Amino acid sequence: METKTWGDYIVADPAICHGEPTFRGTRIMVADVLEQVGSGMAYDAIAEAVRMAREALVAYAPKMVSEPVIA
C-alpha cells in the first residue's frame, strides 16, 4: 500500500496507524474525530483536545523514550 493524501491535512500512510486516514503530522485518526462530531461534541472542544494532545506529545515524548516504563 502506498501513502495517499487528501488535500493538505489528511494522509493515509501504511506506517502510521495501520494505514488508516490521519491528520498530517499526527496519529489522530479521522474516524475518531468524525465519531466525536457525530456524538455532538462541539468543534471547539475537539480542536482543544487535539491541541492539548499535540502539546503533551511534544512535552512528554522525550521523557517517555528516555525513562524506563514501569508496569
Protein backbone atom coordinates (compact mmCIF):
# COMPACT_ATOMS: atom_id res chain seq x y z
CA MET A 1 0.00 0.00 0.00
CA GLU A 2 1.29 3.43 -0.83
CA THR A 3 0.72 6.69 1.02
CA LYS A 4 -2.44 8.52 -0.04
CA THR A 5 -3.24 12.16 0.65
CA TRP A 6 -6.45 14.14 0.63
CA GLY A 7 -5.78 17.85 0.44
CA ASP A 8 -3.32 19.44 2.83
CA TYR A 9 -4.49 17.83 6.05
CA ILE A 10 -5.36 14.14 5.68
CA VAL A 11 -2.97 11.30 4.90
CA ALA A 12 -3.13 7.51 4.93
CA ASP A 13 0.39 6.15 5.43
CA PRO A 14 0.81 2.39 5.86
CA ALA A 15 3.49 3.08 8.50
CA ILE A 16 1.11 5.14 10.65
CA CYS A 17 -2.00 3.72 12.35
CA HIS A 18 -2.07 0.72 10.00
CA GLY A 19 -2.80 2.96 7.02
CA GLU A 20 -5.97 4.49 8.45
CA PRO A 21 -6.55 8.14 7.44
CA THR A 22 -4.99 10.52 9.98
CA PHE A 23 -4.40 14.24 10.22
CA ARG A 24 -0.99 15.01 8.73
CA GLY A 25 1.77 15.08 11.31
CA THR A 26 -0.33 13.32 13.97
CA ARG A 27 -1.65 9.90 14.85
CA ILE A 28 -5.13 11.32 15.30
CA MET A 29 -7.44 9.26 13.15
CA VAL A 30 -10.06 10.99 11.05
CA ALA A 31 -12.63 8.34 12.03
CA ASP A 32 -12.17 9.19 15.73
CA VAL A 33 -12.79 12.89 15.12
CA LEU A 34 -15.83 12.14 12.96
CA GLU A 35 -17.18 9.95 15.75
CA GLN A 36 -16.78 12.84 18.19
CA VAL A 37 -18.58 15.18 15.79
CA GLY A 38 -21.35 12.61 15.34
CA SER A 39 -21.79 12.30 19.09
CA GLY A 40 -22.46 16.02 19.32
CA MET A 41 -19.10 17.15 20.68
CA ALA A 42 -18.50 20.82 19.84
CA TYR A 43 -15.89 21.59 17.19
CA ASP A 44 -14.07 23.90 19.60
CA ALA A 45 -13.83 21.10 22.19
CA ILE A 46 -12.43 18.71 19.57
CA ALA A 47 -9.88 21.29 18.41
CA GLU A 48 -8.84 21.94 22.02
CA ALA A 49 -8.40 18.21 22.69
CA VAL A 50 -6.26 17.83 19.57
CA ARG A 51 -4.15 20.86 20.50
CA MET A 52 -3.60 19.52 24.01
CA ALA A 53 -2.69 16.08 22.67
CA ARG A 54 -0.06 17.60 20.39
CA GLU A 55 1.37 19.75 23.20
CA ALA A 56 1.54 16.75 25.53
CA LEU A 57 3.30 14.72 22.86
CA VAL A 58 5.93 17.40 22.35
CA ALA A 59 6.41 17.90 26.09
CA TYR A 60 6.49 14.28 27.23
CA ALA A 61 7.74 12.23 24.28
CA PRO A 62 11.45 12.81 25.05
CA LYS A 63 10.90 11.69 28.66
CA MET A 64 8.88 8.66 27.58
CA VAL A 65 11.65 7.32 25.37
CA SER A 66 14.45 8.05 27.81
CA GLU A 67 12.87 6.68 31.01
CA PRO A 68 12.01 3.02 31.55
CA VAL A 69 8.35 2.12 31.71
CA ILE A 70 7.28 0.54 34.99
CA ALA A 71 4.20 -1.63 34.73
